C-alpha cells in the first residue's frame, strides 16, 4: 500500500476513534441510568397521580419520559449547531 495512503488512513482513524469511544462509553453508561430514572419517575406518577388507575399513571410516566427523550433527540443537532456557530 502507498505510504501516503497509509498515513491518511491512520490520520482518519486516529481522528474518529476517540469520538467513537466517547459516544460508546456514554451510551453504555447513560442509557441504563436513564432507564432507571424513567421507571422511578413512572413509579412516582403511579403513587401520586390521583384520579386514574395505577397502571395508567405508570404508563403516563413512561410516555412522558419517552416524549422528553424524543424531543431531546431531535433538538440535539440544531442546538449543537447553534452552540458551534456562536463559539
N, C-alpha and C. Protein backbone atom coordinates (compact mmCIF):
# COMPACT_ATOMS: atom_id res chain seq x y z
N UNK A 1 0.85 -1.18 0.00
CA UNK A 1 0.00 0.00 0.00
C UNK A 1 0.90 1.24 0.00
N UNK A 2 0.45 2.25 -0.65
CA UNK A 2 1.17 3.51 -0.74
C UNK A 2 1.37 4.11 0.66
N UNK A 3 2.56 4.61 0.94
CA UNK A 3 2.89 5.17 2.26
C UNK A 3 2.00 6.37 2.59
N UNK A 4 1.74 7.21 1.61
CA UNK A 4 0.91 8.40 1.86
C UNK A 4 -0.54 7.98 2.18
N UNK A 5 -1.01 6.95 1.49
CA UNK A 5 -2.36 6.44 1.76
C UNK A 5 -2.44 5.86 3.18
N UNK A 6 -1.42 5.13 3.59
CA UNK A 6 -1.37 4.59 4.95
C UNK A 6 -1.43 5.70 5.98
N UNK A 7 -0.68 6.77 5.74
CA UNK A 7 -0.67 7.90 6.68
C UNK A 7 -2.04 8.55 6.77
N UNK A 8 -2.71 8.71 5.64
CA UNK A 8 -4.04 9.34 5.63
C UNK A 8 -5.07 8.46 6.34
N UNK A 9 -4.98 7.16 6.12
CA UNK A 9 -5.90 6.24 6.80
C UNK A 9 -5.66 6.30 8.31
N UNK A 10 -4.41 6.24 8.72
CA UNK A 10 -4.07 6.31 10.15
C UNK A 10 -4.53 7.63 10.75
N UNK A 11 -4.37 8.71 10.03
CA UNK A 11 -4.80 10.03 10.49
C UNK A 11 -6.32 10.07 10.66
N UNK A 12 -7.04 9.50 9.69
CA UNK A 12 -8.50 9.47 9.76
C UNK A 12 -8.99 8.64 10.94
N UNK A 13 -8.39 7.46 11.09
CA UNK A 13 -8.80 6.57 12.18
C UNK A 13 -8.49 7.20 13.53
N UNK A 14 -7.33 7.83 13.67
CA UNK A 14 -6.97 8.44 14.94
C UNK A 14 -7.83 9.65 15.26
N UNK A 15 -8.43 10.27 14.25
CA UNK A 15 -9.33 11.40 14.49
C UNK A 15 -10.72 10.93 14.91
N UNK A 16 -11.16 9.81 14.38
CA UNK A 16 -12.52 9.34 14.62
C UNK A 16 -12.61 8.45 15.86
N UNK A 17 -11.57 7.70 16.14
CA UNK A 17 -11.61 6.73 17.23
C UNK A 17 -11.92 7.33 18.60
N UNK A 18 -11.31 8.44 19.00
CA UNK A 18 -11.66 8.99 20.32
C UNK A 18 -13.12 9.40 20.44
N UNK A 19 -13.66 10.00 19.40
CA UNK A 19 -15.06 10.43 19.43
C UNK A 19 -15.97 9.21 19.51
N UNK A 20 -15.65 8.19 18.73
CA UNK A 20 -16.45 6.97 18.75
C UNK A 20 -16.39 6.32 20.13
N UNK A 21 -15.23 6.30 20.74
CA UNK A 21 -15.10 5.75 22.08
C UNK A 21 -15.90 6.51 23.11
N UNK A 22 -15.90 7.83 23.01
CA UNK A 22 -16.67 8.65 23.95
C UNK A 22 -18.17 8.38 23.79
N UNK A 23 -18.64 8.31 22.55
CA UNK A 23 -20.07 8.05 22.31
C UNK A 23 -20.45 6.67 22.83
N UNK A 24 -19.60 5.68 22.60
CA UNK A 24 -19.86 4.33 23.09
C UNK A 24 -19.91 4.30 24.61
N UNK A 25 -18.95 4.94 25.24
CA UNK A 25 -18.91 4.98 26.70
C UNK A 25 -20.14 5.66 27.27
N UNK A 26 -20.52 6.80 26.69
CA UNK A 26 -21.72 7.50 27.16
C UNK A 26 -22.96 6.65 26.97
N UNK A 27 -23.03 5.95 25.85
CA UNK A 27 -24.19 5.08 25.60
C UNK A 27 -24.26 3.97 26.64
N UNK A 28 -23.13 3.37 26.94
CA UNK A 28 -23.10 2.27 27.90
C UNK A 28 -23.47 2.76 29.30
N UNK A 29 -23.05 3.97 29.65
CA UNK A 29 -23.31 4.49 30.99
C UNK A 29 -24.67 5.16 31.12
N UNK A 30 -25.04 5.98 30.14
CA UNK A 30 -26.22 6.81 30.30
C UNK A 30 -27.53 6.10 30.01
N UNK A 31 -27.55 5.18 29.06
CA UNK A 31 -28.81 4.52 28.73
C UNK A 31 -29.38 3.75 29.93
N UNK A 32 -28.59 2.93 30.62
CA UNK A 32 -29.16 2.26 31.80
C UNK A 32 -29.60 3.24 32.89
N UNK A 33 -28.85 4.28 33.09
CA UNK A 33 -29.21 5.28 34.11
C UNK A 33 -30.53 5.95 33.72
N UNK A 34 -30.68 6.30 32.45
CA UNK A 34 -31.92 6.94 32.01
C UNK A 34 -33.11 5.99 32.14
N UNK A 35 -32.90 4.72 31.87
CA UNK A 35 -33.99 3.75 32.03
C UNK A 35 -34.41 3.63 33.49
N UNK A 36 -33.45 3.60 34.39
CA UNK A 36 -33.77 3.54 35.82
C UNK A 36 -34.54 4.79 36.24
N UNK A 37 -34.10 5.95 35.79
CA UNK A 37 -34.79 7.20 36.12
C UNK A 37 -36.21 7.18 35.57
N UNK A 38 -36.39 6.72 34.34
CA UNK A 38 -37.72 6.67 33.73
C UNK A 38 -38.66 5.79 34.55
N UNK A 39 -38.17 4.62 34.98
CA UNK A 39 -39.03 3.74 35.77
C UNK A 39 -39.29 4.29 37.16
N UNK A 40 -38.32 4.95 37.75
CA UNK A 40 -38.55 5.59 39.06
C UNK A 40 -39.60 6.69 38.95
N UNK A 41 -39.48 7.52 37.92
CA UNK A 41 -40.47 8.59 37.74
C UNK A 41 -41.85 8.01 37.46
N UNK A 42 -41.90 6.95 36.65
CA UNK A 42 -43.19 6.32 36.38
C UNK A 42 -43.79 5.76 37.67
N UNK A 43 -42.93 5.21 38.52
CA UNK A 43 -43.42 4.72 39.82
C UNK A 43 -43.96 5.84 40.68
N UNK A 44 -43.29 6.99 40.64
CA UNK A 44 -43.78 8.15 41.40
C UNK A 44 -45.11 8.64 40.85
N UNK A 45 -45.24 8.68 39.52
CA UNK A 45 -46.53 9.05 38.93
C UNK A 45 -47.61 8.06 39.39
N UNK A 46 -47.26 6.79 39.44
CA UNK A 46 -48.21 5.76 39.86
C UNK A 46 -48.68 6.02 41.29
N UNK A 47 -47.76 6.46 42.13
CA UNK A 47 -48.09 6.69 43.54
C UNK A 47 -48.86 7.99 43.75
N UNK A 48 -48.47 9.05 43.05
CA UNK A 48 -49.01 10.38 43.36
C UNK A 48 -50.08 10.90 42.40
N UNK A 49 -50.20 10.32 41.22
CA UNK A 49 -51.20 10.81 40.27
C UNK A 49 -52.55 10.21 40.65
N UNK A 50 -53.46 11.07 41.04
CA UNK A 50 -54.77 10.61 41.52
C UNK A 50 -55.81 10.74 40.41
N UNK A 51 -56.87 9.99 40.53
CA UNK A 51 -57.98 10.10 39.59
C UNK A 51 -57.90 9.12 38.43
N UNK A 52 -56.83 8.39 38.31
CA UNK A 52 -56.67 7.39 37.25
C UNK A 52 -56.16 6.10 37.88
N UNK A 53 -56.19 5.03 37.10
CA UNK A 53 -55.68 3.76 37.62
C UNK A 53 -54.17 3.83 37.77
N UNK A 54 -53.63 2.97 38.60
CA UNK A 54 -52.18 2.96 38.83
C UNK A 54 -51.43 2.58 37.55
N UNK A 55 -51.98 1.66 36.79
CA UNK A 55 -51.35 1.27 35.53
C UNK A 55 -51.30 2.42 34.53
N UNK A 56 -52.39 3.16 34.48
CA UNK A 56 -52.44 4.31 33.57
C UNK A 56 -51.46 5.41 34.01
N UNK A 57 -51.35 5.63 35.29
CA UNK A 57 -50.41 6.62 35.81
C UNK A 57 -48.97 6.20 35.51
N UNK A 58 -48.67 4.90 35.66
CA UNK A 58 -47.34 4.39 35.35
C UNK A 58 -47.04 4.56 33.87
N UNK A 59 -48.01 4.24 33.02
CA UNK A 59 -47.84 4.40 31.56
C UNK A 59 -47.64 5.88 31.22
N UNK A 60 -48.34 6.76 31.91
CA UNK A 60 -48.17 8.19 31.69
C UNK A 60 -46.73 8.61 31.99
N UNK A 61 -46.17 8.09 33.07
CA UNK A 61 -44.79 8.41 33.42
C UNK A 61 -43.81 7.94 32.35
N UNK A 62 -44.01 6.72 31.85
CA UNK A 62 -43.15 6.21 30.78
C UNK A 62 -43.32 7.03 29.50
N UNK A 63 -44.56 7.38 29.17
CA UNK A 63 -44.81 8.18 27.96
C UNK A 63 -44.19 9.57 28.07
N UNK A 64 -44.27 10.17 29.24
CA UNK A 64 -43.67 11.49 29.43
C UNK A 64 -42.16 11.43 29.25
N UNK A 65 -41.52 10.39 29.77
CA UNK A 65 -40.08 10.23 29.60
C UNK A 65 -39.72 9.95 28.15
N UNK A 66 -40.51 9.14 27.47
CA UNK A 66 -40.25 8.85 26.06
C UNK A 66 -40.39 10.11 25.21
N UNK A 67 -41.41 10.92 25.49
CA UNK A 67 -41.59 12.16 24.75
C UNK A 67 -40.43 13.11 24.99
N UNK A 68 -39.97 13.19 26.21
CA UNK A 68 -38.82 14.03 26.54
C UNK A 68 -37.57 13.55 25.82
N UNK A 69 -37.36 12.23 25.77
CA UNK A 69 -36.19 11.68 25.08
C UNK A 69 -36.25 11.96 23.59
N UNK A 70 -37.42 11.80 22.99
CA UNK A 70 -37.55 12.08 21.56
C UNK A 70 -37.31 13.55 21.24
N UNK A 71 -37.85 14.42 22.06
CA UNK A 71 -37.62 15.85 21.85
C UNK A 71 -36.14 16.18 21.97
N UNK A 72 -35.48 15.62 22.96
CA UNK A 72 -34.04 15.83 23.11
C UNK A 72 -33.27 15.30 21.92
N UNK A 73 -33.68 14.14 21.41
CA UNK A 73 -33.02 13.52 20.26
C UNK A 73 -33.10 14.43 19.04
N UNK A 74 -34.30 14.98 18.78
CA UNK A 74 -34.48 15.81 17.59
C UNK A 74 -33.89 17.20 17.75
N UNK A 75 -33.77 17.68 18.97
CA UNK A 75 -33.21 19.02 19.19
C UNK A 75 -31.69 19.01 19.37
N UNK A 76 -31.09 17.86 19.55
CA UNK A 76 -29.65 17.79 19.84
C UNK A 76 -28.82 18.39 18.72
N UNK A 77 -29.10 18.04 17.49
CA UNK A 77 -28.29 18.54 16.36
C UNK A 77 -28.47 20.05 16.17
N UNK A 78 -29.70 20.58 16.12
CA UNK A 78 -29.83 22.03 15.95
C UNK A 78 -29.20 22.83 17.10
N UNK A 79 -29.34 22.34 18.32
CA UNK A 79 -28.75 23.05 19.45
C UNK A 79 -27.23 23.00 19.36
N UNK A 80 -26.68 21.84 19.01
CA UNK A 80 -25.23 21.72 18.87
C UNK A 80 -24.71 22.65 17.76
N UNK A 81 -25.41 22.71 16.63
CA UNK A 81 -25.01 23.60 15.53
C UNK A 81 -25.05 25.05 15.97
N UNK A 82 -26.05 25.41 16.77
CA UNK A 82 -26.13 26.78 17.26
C UNK A 82 -24.96 27.09 18.19
N UNK A 83 -24.65 26.15 19.09
CA UNK A 83 -23.54 26.35 20.02
C UNK A 83 -22.23 26.53 19.27
N UNK A 84 -22.02 25.69 18.26
CA UNK A 84 -20.78 25.80 17.47
C UNK A 84 -20.75 27.12 16.71
N UNK A 85 -21.90 27.58 16.22
CA UNK A 85 -21.91 28.81 15.43
C UNK A 85 -21.63 30.05 16.27
N UNK A 86 -21.94 30.02 17.56
CA UNK A 86 -21.69 31.22 18.38
C UNK A 86 -20.34 31.18 19.08
N UNK A 87 -19.64 30.05 18.97
CA UNK A 87 -18.35 29.97 19.66
C UNK A 87 -17.19 30.35 18.77
